[in-house]
Amino acid sequence: MHHNITLITTIAAALGFGLIFGMIAVRFKLPALVGYLAAGIVIGPATPGFVADVALAGQLAEIGVMLLMFGVGLHFSLDDLMEVRGIAVPGAVLQIGAATGMGIGMAYFWGWSLGAGLVFGLALSVASTVVLLRALEDLGILDSINGRIAVGWLVVEDLVTVLMLVMLPALAGALGGTGPDGAAAGADANIWKTLGITLGQVAAFIVFMLVVGRKLFPWFLWRVAKTGSRELFTLAVVATAVGIAYGSSELFGVSFALGAFFAGMVLRESPLSHRAAEESLPLRDAFSVLFFVSVGMLADPMVLVDSPLRVLAVVAVVMFGKSIVAFALVMVLRYPLNTALTVSASLAQIGEFSFILAALGMSLGLLPKEGQSLILAGAIISIALNPLLFKLIEPLQRALREKSDAARKVERSTDPLAELPMSVPQERLSGQVVLVGYGRVGRMIADSLMAQGVHIVVAEQNRELVDQLRRRDIAAVVGNAAEPAVLIQAHIARAALLVIATPDTFHVRAMIETARALNPAIRTLVRTHNEEEAELLRKETGCQVFVGERELARSMAERISVDLAGVKPASGH
């Protein structure tokens, strides 16, 4: 009965050691991902003791890649990306180019081929969405403008990476590796033909998914949901993800990763997409653990001893090189210093996509094994140190503003959106409502006020939104309302009401203090997410605070009372 249980042994070892090392990592306030990678090193061939089946782990990792990419597709929002496209698209593309150039430069210095340098540089340029989302959630800034910009930036990186996963097999032969048909390097004459065929297959697959898949798969999911069976629904979601990934590879010749990504994208069109994400999450998490453990199994920890300077060079590029480039790009695009620092900290790590690129590079004969070990070492170190960079944002911001005249000038003086136009009529700047934040909640408040004929001035950190508002002849100023200059530009001294609708409650006290210093009679309304924060704000500021869940419950209770008042009791009772 126990003659050949390699698969069971590999899964049990990967999940068991992953759990133990994941708990240790969390205990030391590190992402569990670090523990999973360490578990892979422990059960891999590079360390003594038990060794799991590397080939089987690689196949399990492929399923993990499919489900990871499926999850990325499920959460990919074109609307969210379009909201920050002015900074996320050019910023991410230029930053990827700069970081890839650094990687190619290091590879050339170490005597690697151009193909190895390209894969290596791309792997160093792509930050981990999983690590970023967790960091932003812990800081409570995921829904803030800085959080949306950072996530949008990484979404663009993910899209570029998906494109690279498609292009690399076609380009491998010309770059000195093994082509998609297994041929050795030297098929330069056929490069354009191979590339054309690959792009044609990808285009055919995308057209099929957008034309047929967008209608068929959400409809199929709805039919399964109507059965009322939870296990059938979960099975349908997972079968769709894996089935589309496999089918796209067999029928269109595209990668599993691209197929799974588009599977998530088309299922997002369904009203059941949130349920699909929730139901598939446990399985996605389990297989993602297997993926990270398998990556660790392929790494050689001796690279830390044999090539410490190369490891330091990788960490320097990941944590400082591309972060400095991103910081400069954000400042050039005239965003606040806080946004530049937040984006820089967000990008100072690498993760799952880096591993996928490294694995593909090795399979194509482009990246040497040392390259994958260096990428893994850089990932573990950068992920472990990344939370420290987020903690340095506030003190670094204060130091730059206090000691650097250049930083202050670059941050505000050159931005035309930082000041209200002189053309705004003065009657609209007296007795107006100053609205901080123009997200989902702020937008609804603004629409309601304007429908009643109330004048408003919007203070918003998203330059694209401010530009759109001004095109609609709505007074708006860009910047963080915690800075006095922003509220001064919003003419807070003559305002009747300050409404803080931003989800970022960290700077609320500074906003209220500035507003009351300039306008002692001003009334203030604040939104928050929890009762504890609301009670603290009431005690410290005396402002009126609205908690989302409580206001929803109150509105529903009022609606129920109205409905019940119209129902007459049945006779005889």
Protein backbone atom coordinates (compact mmCIF):
# COMPACT_ATOMS: atom_id res chain seq x y z
CA MET A 1 0.00 0.00 0.00
CA HIS A 2 2.91 2.37 0.71
CA HIS A 3 5.18 1.38 -2.19
CA ASN A 4 4.96 4.70 -4.05
CA ILE A 5 3.52 7.68 -2.23
CA THR A 6 5.92 10.32 -3.50
CA LEU A 7 3.11 12.75 -4.30
CA ILE A 8 1.59 12.45 -0.82
CA THR A 9 5.01 12.75 0.81
CA THR A 10 5.86 15.87 -1.19
CA ILE A 11 2.54 17.59 -0.44
CA ALA A 12 2.65 16.64 3.26
CA ALA A 13 6.24 17.85 3.65
CA ALA A 14 5.63 21.08 1.73
CA LEU A 15 2.47 22.00 3.64
CA GLY A 16 3.79 20.81 7.02
CA PHE A 17 7.13 22.60 6.84
CA GLY A 18 5.41 25.57 5.21
CA LEU A 19 3.07 25.83 8.20
CA ILE A 20 5.88 25.59 10.75
CA PHE A 21 8.19 28.09 9.08
CA GLY A 22 5.27 30.36 8.14
CA MET A 23 4.27 30.57 11.81
CA ILE A 24 7.86 31.33 12.79
CA ALA A 25 8.03 34.12 10.20
CA VAL A 26 4.75 35.66 11.41
CA ARG A 27 5.98 35.38 14.99
CA PHE A 28 8.91 37.61 14.02
CA LYS A 29 6.47 39.99 12.29
CA LEU A 30 7.59 38.93 8.81
CA PRO A 31 5.28 37.95 5.94
CA ALA A 32 4.46 34.22 5.96
CA LEU A 33 5.87 34.12 2.42
CA VAL A 34 9.39 34.31 3.90
CA GLY A 35 8.65 31.19 5.94
CA TYR A 36 7.36 29.28 2.91
CA LEU A 37 10.55 30.03 0.98
CA ALA A 38 12.68 28.96 3.95
CA ALA A 39 10.66 25.72 4.21
CA GLY A 40 11.46 24.98 0.58
CA ILE A 41 15.17 25.45 1.22
CA VAL A 42 14.99 23.04 4.19
CA ILE A 43 13.30 20.22 2.23
CA GLY A 44 15.21 20.91 -1.00
CA PRO A 45 18.29 19.14 -2.36
CA ALA A 46 20.65 21.96 -1.32
CA THR A 47 20.33 21.12 2.41
CA PRO A 48 20.99 17.83 4.26
CA GLY A 49 18.22 15.57 5.55
CA PHE A 50 14.86 14.85 3.98
CA VAL A 51 14.58 15.84 0.29
CA ALA A 52 11.17 16.16 -1.38
CA ASP A 53 10.56 15.26 -5.03
CA VAL A 54 11.63 18.37 -6.96
CA ALA A 55 9.93 17.30 -10.21
CA LEU A 56 6.59 16.70 -8.52
CA ALA A 57 6.91 19.95 -6.57
CA GLY A 58 7.46 21.74 -9.87
CA GLN A 59 4.19 20.37 -11.28
CA LEU A 60 2.32 21.36 -8.12
CA ALA A 61 3.91 24.78 -8.43
CA GLU A 62 2.43 25.09 -11.94
CA ILE A 63 -1.03 24.70 -10.43
CA GLY A 64 -0.03 27.30 -7.85
CA VAL A 65 0.97 29.69 -10.66
CA MET A 66 -2.40 29.13 -12.38
CA LEU A 67 -4.35 29.89 -9.23
CA LEU A 68 -2.16 32.87 -8.32
CA MET A 69 -2.67 34.38 -11.76
CA PHE A 70 -6.38 33.54 -11.61
CA GLY A 71 -6.60 35.50 -8.35
CA VAL A 72 -4.78 38.46 -9.92
CA GLY A 73 -7.28 38.42 -12.80
CA LEU A 74 -10.25 38.22 -10.42
CA HIS A 75 -9.08 41.35 -8.59
CA PHE A 76 -7.91 43.24 -11.67
CA SER A 77 -10.01 46.37 -12.07
CA LEU A 78 -9.59 48.38 -15.25
CA ASP A 79 -11.62 51.21 -13.65
CA ASP A 80 -9.22 51.46 -10.69
CA LEU A 81 -6.27 51.44 -13.06
CA MET A 82 -7.78 54.14 -15.28
CA GLU A 83 -8.29 56.36 -12.23
CA VAL A 84 -4.52 56.52 -11.63
CA ARG A 85 -3.32 55.84 -15.19
CA GLY A 86 -1.56 59.22 -15.47
CA ILE A 87 1.02 58.18 -12.88
CA ALA A 88 0.81 54.36 -12.78
CA VAL A 89 1.31 53.63 -16.48
CA PRO A 90 4.30 55.88 -17.32
CA GLY A 91 5.80 55.41 -13.86
CA ALA A 92 5.66 51.60 -13.92
CA VAL A 93 6.91 51.28 -17.50
CA LEU A 94 9.87 53.64 -16.94
CA GLN A 95 10.72 52.06 -13.59
CA ILE A 96 10.66 48.55 -15.12
CA GLY A 97 12.95 49.78 -17.89
CA ALA A 98 15.39 51.34 -15.41
CA ALA A 99 15.47 48.31 -13.09
CA THR A 100 15.84 45.91 -16.01
CA GLY A 101 18.75 48.01 -17.26
CA MET A 102 20.41 47.72 -13.83
CA GLY A 103 19.94 43.94 -13.92
CA ILE A 104 21.41 43.68 -17.42
CA GLY A 105 24.37 45.81 -16.31
CA MET A 106 25.10 43.54 -13.34
CA ALA A 107 24.72 40.41 -15.49
CA TYR A 108 27.17 41.82 -18.07
CA PHE A 109 29.67 42.62 -15.31
CA TRP A 110 29.34 39.02 -14.04
CA GLY A 111 29.87 37.57 -17.51
CA TRP A 112 26.30 36.38 -18.13
CA SER A 113 24.57 36.44 -21.51
CA LEU A 114 22.18 39.16 -22.67
CA GLY A 115 19.23 36.77 -22.29
CA ALA A 116 20.23 35.99 -18.70
CA GLY A 117 20.56 39.70 -17.94
CA LEU A 118 17.15 40.46 -19.44
CA VAL A 119 15.36 37.78 -17.39
CA PHE A 120 17.35 38.73 -14.28
CA GLY A 121 16.58 42.45 -14.68
CA LEU A 122 12.88 41.85 -15.30
CA ALA A 123 12.68 39.64 -12.19
CA LEU A 124 14.26 42.39 -10.07
CA SER A 125 11.92 45.05 -11.48
CA VAL A 126 8.61 43.43 -10.48
CA ALA A 127 7.34 43.89 -6.91
CA SER A 128 5.04 41.44 -5.13
CA THR A 129 1.35 42.37 -5.16
CA VAL A 130 0.70 39.93 -2.29
CA VAL A 131 3.30 41.61 -0.05
CA LEU A 132 2.15 45.11 -1.01
CA LEU A 133 -1.55 44.49 -0.32
CA ARG A 134 -0.74 43.06 3.09
CA ALA A 135 1.49 46.03 3.97
CA LEU A 136 -1.13 48.58 2.86
CA GLU A 137 -3.87 46.78 4.79
CA ASP A 138 -1.73 46.71 7.95
CA LEU A 139 -1.15 50.47 7.59
CA GLY A 140 -4.84 51.14 6.85
CA ILE A 141 -4.05 53.03 3.63
CA LEU A 142 -5.20 50.50 1.01
CA ASP A 143 -8.18 52.67 -0.01
CA SER A 144 -6.27 55.97 0.17
CA ILE A 145 -4.99 57.71 -2.96
CA ASN A 146 -1.44 56.60 -2.14
CA GLY A 147 -2.65 53.02 -1.77
CA ARG A 148 -4.57 53.15 -5.05
CA ILE A 149 -1.56 54.57 -6.89
CA ALA A 150 0.76 51.89 -5.48
CA VAL A 151 -1.69 49.09 -6.37
CA GLY A 152 -2.28 50.58 -9.84
CA TRP A 153 1.48 50.79 -10.37
CA LEU A 154 1.84 47.09 -9.51
CA VAL A 155 -1.11 46.17 -11.73
CA VAL A 156 0.76 47.73 -14.67
CA GLU A 157 3.87 45.79 -13.62
CA ASP A 158 1.79 42.60 -13.56
CA LEU A 159 0.46 43.30 -17.07
CA VAL A 160 3.98 43.93 -18.39
CA THR A 161 5.13 40.70 -16.73
CA VAL A 162 2.29 38.75 -18.32
CA LEU A 163 3.40 40.15 -21.69
CA MET A 164 6.98 39.09 -20.96
CA LEU A 165 5.82 35.56 -20.05
CA VAL A 166 4.26 35.41 -23.51
CA MET A 167 7.22 36.93 -25.38
CA LEU A 168 10.18 35.18 -23.73
CA PRO A 169 9.59 31.69 -25.22
CA ALA A 170 9.43 33.23 -28.70
CA LEU A 171 12.57 35.31 -28.11
CA ALA A 172 14.56 32.64 -26.23
CA GLY A 173 16.37 31.29 -29.30
CA ALA A 174 17.59 34.73 -30.35
CA LEU A 175 18.69 35.50 -26.78
CA GLY A 176 20.94 32.45 -26.54
CA GLY A 177 18.53 30.03 -24.91
CA THR A 178 16.23 27.25 -26.04
CA GLY A 179 13.34 28.21 -28.32
CA PRO A 180 9.73 27.20 -27.77
CA ASP A 181 10.18 24.14 -30.00
CA GLY A 182 13.22 22.99 -28.04
CA ALA A 183 15.70 24.16 -30.68
CA ALA A 184 18.99 25.56 -29.54
CA ALA A 185 20.02 29.17 -29.99
CA GLY A 186 20.90 30.46 -33.39
CA ALA A 187 17.52 30.60 -35.11
CA ASP A 188 17.76 34.36 -35.61
CA ALA A 189 16.35 34.13 -39.12
CA ASN A 190 13.10 32.78 -37.77
CA ILE A 191 12.77 35.20 -34.86
CA TRP A 192 10.23 37.44 -36.55
CA LYS A 193 8.24 34.47 -37.79
CA THR A 194 8.20 32.89 -34.33
CA LEU A 195 7.31 36.19 -32.70
CA GLY A 196 4.53 36.81 -35.22
CA ILE A 197 3.05 33.34 -34.66
CA THR A 198 3.20 33.80 -30.88
CA LEU A 199 1.53 37.22 -30.95
CA GLY A 200 -1.07 35.89 -33.39
CA GLN A 201 -1.92 33.01 -31.04
CA VAL A 202 -2.13 35.39 -28.08
CA ALA A 203 -4.35 37.77 -30.05
CA ALA A 204 -6.65 34.90 -31.09
CA PHE A 205 -6.89 33.75 -27.47
CA ILE A 206 -7.64 37.26 -26.19
CA VAL A 207 -10.34 37.78 -28.83
CA PHE A 208 -11.89 34.42 -27.96
CA MET A 209 -11.92 35.24 -24.23
CA LEU A 210 -13.32 38.75 -24.70
CA VAL A 211 -15.96 37.76 -27.26
CA VAL A 212 -16.96 34.25 -26.13
CA GLY A 213 -15.48 33.82 -22.65
CA ARG A 214 -16.97 37.05 -21.26
CA LYS A 215 -20.46 35.71 -21.97
CA LEU A 216 -20.01 31.96 -21.63
CA PHE A 217 -18.10 31.56 -18.37
CA PRO A 218 -20.09 34.04 -16.20
CA TRP A 219 -23.27 32.42 -17.57
CA PHE A 220 -21.90 28.98 -16.68
CA LEU A 221 -21.00 30.17 -13.17
CA TRP A 222 -24.51 31.53 -12.69
CA ARG A 223 -26.06 28.20 -13.78
CA VAL A 224 -23.93 26.33 -11.25
CA ALA A 225 -24.80 28.83 -8.49
CA LYS A 226 -28.53 28.21 -9.11
CA THR A 227 -28.06 24.58 -8.03
CA GLY A 228 -27.52 25.87 -4.48
CA SER A 229 -24.53 23.58 -3.99
CA ARG A 230 -21.54 25.31 -2.44
CA GLU A 231 -19.10 22.53 -3.32
CA LEU A 232 -20.25 22.52 -6.96
CA PHE A 233 -19.75 26.29 -7.12
CA THR A 234 -16.22 26.02 -5.71
CA LEU A 235 -15.48 23.16 -8.10
CA ALA A 236 -16.80 25.23 -11.03
CA VAL A 237 -14.53 28.16 -10.14
CA VAL A 238 -11.39 26.04 -9.78
CA ALA A 239 -12.21 23.89 -12.82
CA THR A 240 -12.73 27.04 -14.89
CA ALA A 241 -9.39 28.51 -13.77
CA VAL A 242 -7.34 25.36 -14.37
CA GLY A 243 -9.35 24.28 -17.42
CA ILE A 244 -8.98 27.60 -19.23
CA ALA A 245 -5.27 27.71 -18.37
CA TYR A 246 -4.72 24.21 -19.74
CA GLY A 247 -7.02 24.69 -22.74
CA SER A 248 -5.39 27.97 -23.70
CA SER A 249 -2.01 26.24 -23.70
CA GLU A 250 -3.21 23.30 -25.80
CA LEU A 251 -5.40 25.21 -28.29
CA PHE A 252 -3.66 28.59 -28.56
CA GLY A 253 -0.13 27.78 -27.44
CA VAL A 254 -0.11 30.48 -24.74
CA SER A 255 1.21 30.04 -21.22
CA PHE A 256 -0.75 28.64 -18.29
CA ALA A 257 -0.21 31.96 -16.51
CA LEU A 258 -1.84 34.04 -19.27
CA GLY A 259 -4.76 31.62 -19.57
CA ALA A 260 -5.43 31.70 -15.84
CA PHE A 261 -5.13 35.50 -15.74
CA PHE A 262 -7.79 35.91 -18.43
CA ALA A 263 -9.96 33.29 -16.73
CA GLY A 264 -10.01 35.54 -13.67
CA MET A 265 -10.63 38.63 -15.81
CA VAL A 266 -13.69 37.19 -17.58
CA LEU A 267 -15.15 35.79 -14.35
CA ARG A 268 -14.82 39.26 -12.83
CA GLU A 269 -17.57 40.27 -15.28
CA SER A 270 -19.97 38.04 -13.34
CA PRO A 271 -22.01 39.42 -10.41
CA LEU A 272 -20.75 36.34 -8.57
CA SER A 273 -17.09 37.35 -8.89
CA HIS A 274 -16.74 38.25 -5.19
CA ARG A 275 -18.19 34.91 -4.18
CA ALA A 276 -15.90 33.17 -6.67
CA ALA A 277 -12.90 34.89 -5.10
CA GLU A 278 -13.98 33.92 -1.58
CA GLU A 279 -14.84 30.31 -2.38
CA SER A 280 -11.59 29.65 -4.25
CA LEU A 281 -9.37 31.50 -1.73
CA PRO A 282 -8.53 28.48 0.53
CA LEU A 283 -7.44 26.36 -2.44
CA ARG A 284 -5.54 29.28 -3.98
CA ASP A 285 -3.76 29.86 -0.67
CA ALA A 286 -2.85 26.17 -0.31
CA PHE A 287 -1.39 25.88 -3.79
CA SER A 288 0.37 29.23 -3.51
CA VAL A 289 2.15 27.78 -0.45
CA LEU A 290 3.21 24.81 -2.59
CA PHE A 291 4.45 27.24 -5.23
CA PHE A 292 6.60 29.26 -2.82
CA VAL A 293 7.94 26.11 -1.16
CA SER A 294 8.87 24.67 -4.57
CA VAL A 295 10.71 27.91 -5.41
CA GLY A 296 12.68 27.56 -2.19
CA MET A 297 13.55 23.96 -3.10
CA LEU A 298 15.28 25.15 -6.27
CA ALA A 299 17.43 27.71 -4.46
CA ASP A 300 20.92 27.21 -3.10
CA PRO A 301 21.42 28.97 0.27
CA MET A 302 25.20 28.71 -0.21
CA VAL A 303 24.93 31.70 -2.54
CA LEU A 304 24.95 33.82 0.64
CA VAL A 305 28.37 32.38 1.50
CA ASP A 306 29.82 32.03 -1.99
CA SER A 307 28.59 35.32 -3.48
CA PRO A 308 27.75 37.76 -0.65
CA LEU A 309 28.65 40.81 -2.73
CA ARG A 310 26.32 39.73 -5.53
CA VAL A 311 23.51 39.24 -3.01
CA LEU A 312 24.15 42.75 -1.65
CA ALA A 313 24.10 44.13 -5.20
CA VAL A 314 20.71 42.47 -5.85
CA VAL A 315 19.27 43.82 -2.58
CA ALA A 316 20.62 47.29 -3.41
CA VAL A 317 18.88 47.30 -6.81
CA VAL A 318 15.60 45.97 -5.36
CA MET A 319 15.41 48.15 -2.26
CA PHE A 320 17.20 51.32 -3.35
CA GLY A 321 17.86 51.40 -7.09
CA LYS A 322 14.32 51.03 -8.41
CA SER A 323 12.85 52.86 -5.39
CA ILE A 324 14.98 55.94 -6.10
CA VAL A 325 13.90 55.82 -9.75
CA ALA A 326 10.24 55.54 -8.71
CA PHE A 327 10.63 58.41 -6.21
CA ALA A 328 12.09 60.69 -8.91
CA LEU A 329 9.35 59.74 -11.40
CA VAL A 330 6.53 60.46 -8.92
CA MET A 331 8.02 63.83 -8.01
CA VAL A 332 8.51 64.74 -11.68
CA LEU A 333 4.83 63.91 -12.25
CA ARG A 334 4.07 66.54 -9.55
CA TYR A 335 2.66 64.30 -6.85
CA PRO A 336 3.19 65.02 -3.13
CA LEU A 337 6.28 63.92 -1.25
CA ASN A 338 4.23 61.44 0.81
CA THR A 339 2.98 59.74 -2.36
CA ALA A 340 6.51 59.47 -3.74
CA LEU A 341 7.80 57.92 -0.51
CA THR A 342 4.85 55.50 -0.25
CA VAL A 343 5.27 54.28 -3.83
CA SER A 344 9.02 53.92 -3.32
CA ALA A 345 8.53 51.80 -0.21
CA SER A 346 5.87 49.72 -1.98
CA LEU A 347 8.28 48.77 -4.77
CA ALA A 348 11.23 47.92 -2.52
CA GLN A 349 10.67 44.14 -2.65
CA ILE A 350 10.18 41.32 -5.15
CA GLY A 351 8.00 38.22 -4.98
CA GLU A 352 5.80 35.79 -6.87
CA PHE A 353 6.15 37.17 -10.40
CA SER A 354 9.92 37.32 -10.00
CA PHE A 355 9.93 33.61 -9.21
CA ILE A 356 7.69 32.82 -12.18
CA LEU A 357 10.00 34.76 -14.51
CA ALA A 358 13.08 33.08 -13.03
CA ALA A 359 11.57 29.61 -13.42
CA LEU A 360 10.65 30.36 -17.04
CA GLY A 361 14.12 31.75 -17.72
CA MET A 362 15.74 28.59 -16.37
CA SER A 363 13.41 26.31 -18.36
CA LEU A 364 14.34 28.21 -21.53
CA GLY A 365 18.06 27.88 -20.83
CA LEU A 366 18.49 31.63 -20.36
CA LEU A 367 19.03 32.14 -16.62
CA PRO A 368 21.79 30.26 -14.77
CA LYS A 369 20.88 28.50 -11.53
CA GLU A 370 22.89 31.08 -9.58
CA GLY A 371 20.53 33.73 -10.98
CA GLN A 372 17.50 32.04 -9.45
CA SER A 373 19.30 31.67 -6.11
CA LEU A 374 20.24 35.36 -6.15
CA ILE A 375 16.64 36.34 -6.95
CA LEU A 376 15.36 34.18 -4.07
CA ALA A 377 17.92 35.63 -1.64
CA GLY A 378 17.00 39.16 -2.74
CA ALA A 379 13.31 38.37 -2.30
CA ILE A 380 13.68 37.01 1.24
CA ILE A 381 15.85 39.90 2.41
CA SER A 382 13.76 42.63 0.72
CA ILE A 383 10.43 41.23 1.94
CA ALA A 384 11.81 40.94 5.48
CA LEU A 385 13.06 44.56 5.48
CA ASN A 386 10.16 46.10 3.56
CA PRO A 387 7.97 46.89 6.64
CA LEU A 388 10.88 48.92 8.04
CA LEU A 389 10.82 51.20 5.00
CA PHE A 390 7.12 51.95 5.51
CA LYS A 391 7.88 52.96 9.10
CA LEU A 392 10.55 55.37 7.83
CA ILE A 393 8.12 57.27 5.54
CA GLU A 394 6.88 59.78 8.14
CA PRO A 395 10.25 60.67 9.74
CA LEU A 396 11.92 60.87 6.31
CA GLN A 397 9.14 63.09 5.03
CA ARG A 398 9.50 65.45 8.00
CA ALA A 399 13.28 65.57 7.58
CA LEU A 400 13.07 66.36 3.86
CA ARG A 401 10.50 69.12 4.37
CA GLU A 402 12.41 70.68 7.25
CA LYS A 403 15.93 70.50 5.81
CA SER A 404 15.50 70.48 2.03
CA ASP A 405 14.38 73.64 0.27
CA ALA A 406 14.54 71.75 -3.04
CA ALA A 407 12.08 69.12 -1.81
CA ARG A 408 9.57 71.77 -0.72
CA LYS A 409 9.85 73.68 -4.00
CA VAL A 410 9.55 70.60 -6.20
CA GLU A 411 6.58 69.34 -4.19
CA ARG A 412 4.30 72.34 -4.57
CA SER A 413 5.53 75.38 -6.41
CA THR A 414 5.58 73.87 -9.90
CA ASP A 415 2.13 72.27 -9.70
CA PRO A 416 -0.62 74.36 -11.35
CA LEU A 417 -3.30 72.15 -9.78
CA ALA A 418 -2.07 73.05 -6.28
CA GLU A 419 -3.78 76.45 -6.53
CA LEU A 420 -7.36 77.34 -7.36
CA PRO A 421 -7.73 79.19 -10.68
CA MET A 422 -8.34 82.92 -10.44
CA SER A 423 -11.41 82.40 -12.63
CA VAL A 424 -13.42 80.77 -9.81
CA PRO A 425 -16.17 83.29 -8.84
CA GLN A 426 -15.79 84.70 -5.33
CA GLU A 427 -19.43 83.93 -4.45
CA ARG A 428 -18.58 80.21 -4.78
CA LEU A 429 -15.78 80.64 -2.23
CA SER A 430 -17.86 81.94 0.64
CA GLY A 431 -20.10 79.72 2.76
CA GLN A 432 -19.03 76.75 0.66
CA VAL A 433 -18.48 73.13 1.73
CA VAL A 434 -14.87 71.99 1.62
CA LEU A 435 -14.93 68.30 0.71
CA VAL A 436 -11.74 66.31 1.42
CA GLY A 437 -11.60 63.19 -0.72
CA TYR A 438 -13.38 62.44 -3.99
CA GLY A 439 -13.54 58.65 -3.84
CA ARG A 440 -16.73 56.58 -3.91
CA VAL A 441 -18.19 58.21 -0.80
CA GLY A 442 -16.95 61.73 -1.62
CA ARG A 443 -18.34 61.51 -5.15
CA MET A 444 -21.84 60.71 -3.87
CA ILE A 445 -21.68 63.53 -1.32
CA ALA A 446 -20.54 66.00 -3.99
CA ASP A 447 -23.30 64.98 -6.41
CA SER A 448 -25.94 65.37 -3.70
CA LEU A 449 -24.67 68.80 -2.60
CA MET A 450 -24.41 70.13 -6.16
CA ALA A 451 -27.92 68.86 -6.93
CA GLN A 452 -29.12 71.06 -4.02
CA GLY A 453 -27.21 74.06 -5.38
CA VAL A 454 -24.56 74.01 -2.63
CA HIS A 455 -21.13 75.31 -3.64
CA ILE A 456 -18.23 72.96 -2.95
CA VAL A 457 -14.44 72.98 -3.14
CA VAL A 458 -12.81 69.55 -3.40
CA ALA A 459 -9.39 68.78 -1.91
CA GLU A 460 -8.07 65.57 -3.46
CA GLN A 461 -4.60 64.00 -3.82
CA ASN A 462 -5.32 62.36 -7.19
CA ARG A 463 -4.20 64.80 -9.90
CA GLU A 464 -6.28 63.05 -12.59
CA LEU A 465 -9.47 63.49 -10.56
CA VAL A 466 -8.71 67.16 -9.85
CA ASP A 467 -8.09 67.77 -13.53
CA GLN A 468 -11.39 66.06 -14.43
CA LEU A 469 -13.28 68.11 -11.83
CA ARG A 470 -11.88 71.38 -13.17
CA ARG A 471 -12.94 70.38 -16.69
CA ARG A 472 -16.48 70.06 -15.25
CA ASP A 473 -16.16 73.56 -13.73
CA ILE A 474 -15.99 72.20 -10.18
CA ALA A 475 -13.55 74.00 -7.87
CA ALA A 476 -10.83 71.54 -6.85
CA VAL A 477 -7.28 71.66 -5.53
CA VAL A 478 -4.71 68.87 -5.43
CA GLY A 479 -2.80 67.94 -2.28
CA ASN A 480 -2.97 66.41 1.18
CA ALA A 481 -5.49 68.42 3.21
CA ALA A 482 -3.39 67.79 6.32
CA GLU A 483 -1.05 70.47 4.96
CA PRO A 484 -2.28 74.01 5.76
CA ALA A 485 -1.51 75.27 2.23
CA VAL A 486 -4.12 72.93 0.72
CA LEU A 487 -6.97 74.07 3.00
CA ILE A 488 -5.90 77.68 2.54
CA GLN A 489 -6.25 77.22 -1.22
CA ALA A 490 -9.70 75.71 -0.62
CA HIS A 491 -10.62 78.99 1.18
CA ILE A 492 -11.38 77.18 4.44
CA ALA A 493 -11.39 80.54 6.27
CA ARG A 494 -14.71 81.44 4.61
CA ALA A 495 -16.22 77.93 4.43
CA ALA A 496 -19.36 76.88 6.27
CA LEU A 497 -18.53 73.20 6.59
CA LEU A 498 -15.56 70.82 6.35
CA VAL A 499 -16.49 67.29 5.22
CA ILE A 500 -13.70 64.71 5.46
CA ALA A 501 -14.75 61.79 3.23
CA THR A 502 -11.33 60.24 2.70
CA PRO A 503 -10.81 56.73 4.14
CA ASP A 504 -7.39 57.81 5.43
CA THR A 505 -8.17 58.89 9.01
CA PHE A 506 -4.49 59.20 9.96
CA HIS A 507 -4.36 62.91 9.10
CA VAL A 508 -7.89 63.88 10.22
CA ARG A 509 -6.72 65.61 13.41
CA ALA A 510 -4.24 67.80 11.49
CA MET A 511 -6.99 68.77 9.02
CA ILE A 512 -9.40 69.76 11.79
CA GLU A 513 -6.74 71.71 13.71
CA THR A 514 -5.82 73.72 10.59
CA ALA A 515 -9.47 74.34 9.70
CA ARG A 516 -10.34 75.60 13.21
CA ALA A 517 -7.22 77.75 13.41
CA LEU A 518 -8.27 79.52 10.20
CA ASN A 519 -12.03 79.39 10.84
CA PRO A 520 -12.99 78.89 14.52
CA ALA A 521 -16.71 78.71 13.69
CA ILE A 522 -16.45 75.95 11.10
CA ARG A 523 -18.42 72.74 11.55
CA THR A 524 -16.77 69.39 10.74
CA LEU A 525 -18.12 66.04 9.56
CA VAL A 526 -15.83 63.00 9.37
CA ARG A 527 -16.22 59.47 8.02
CA THR A 528 -14.49 56.52 9.65
CA HIS A 529 -14.60 52.72 9.54
CA ASN A 530 -14.83 51.62 13.17
CA GLU A 531 -16.42 52.65 16.48
CA GLU A 532 -13.10 52.88 18.36
CA GLU A 533 -11.68 55.44 15.93
CA ALA A 534 -15.00 57.31 15.89
CA GLU A 535 -15.13 57.57 19.70
CA LEU A 536 -11.52 58.76 19.85
CA LEU A 537 -12.17 61.45 17.21
CA ARG A 538 -15.29 62.68 19.06
CA LYS A 539 -13.37 63.03 22.32
CA GLU A 540 -10.33 64.72 20.79
CA THR A 541 -12.01 66.99 18.25
CA GLY A 542 -15.71 67.18 19.15
CA CYS A 543 -16.61 66.77 15.47
CA GLN A 544 -19.54 64.77 14.14
CA VAL A 545 -18.37 61.30 13.07
CA PHE A 546 -20.15 58.84 10.79
CA VAL A 547 -19.33 55.12 10.93
CA GLY A 548 -20.13 53.25 7.70
CA GLU A 549 -21.71 50.12 9.17
CA ARG A 550 -23.76 52.04 11.74
CA GLU A 551 -25.13 54.50 9.18
CA LEU A 552 -26.08 51.60 6.90
CA ALA A 553 -27.87 49.84 9.77
CA ARG A 554 -29.68 53.06 10.72
CA SER A 555 -30.86 53.66 7.15
CA MET A 556 -32.09 50.08 6.83
CA ALA A 557 -33.90 50.27 10.19
CA GLU A 558 -35.63 53.51 9.13
CA ARG A 559 -36.66 51.87 5.85
CA ILE A 560 -38.02 48.85 7.73
CA SER A 561 -40.03 51.12 10.06
CA VAL A 562 -41.54 52.94 7.07
CA ASP A 563 -42.45 49.66 5.37
CA LEU A 564 -43.98 48.18 8.52
CA ALA A 565 -46.00 51.32 9.16
CA GLY A 566 -47.75 50.73 5.85
CA VAL A 567 -48.64 47.13 6.66
CA LYS A 568 -52.05 46.67 8.31
CA PRO A 569 -52.35 43.87 10.93
CA ALA A 570 -54.25 40.80 9.71
CA SER A 571 -57.85 40.48 10.97
CA GLY A 572 -58.49 38.19 13.94
CA HIS A 573 -55.12 38.89 15.58
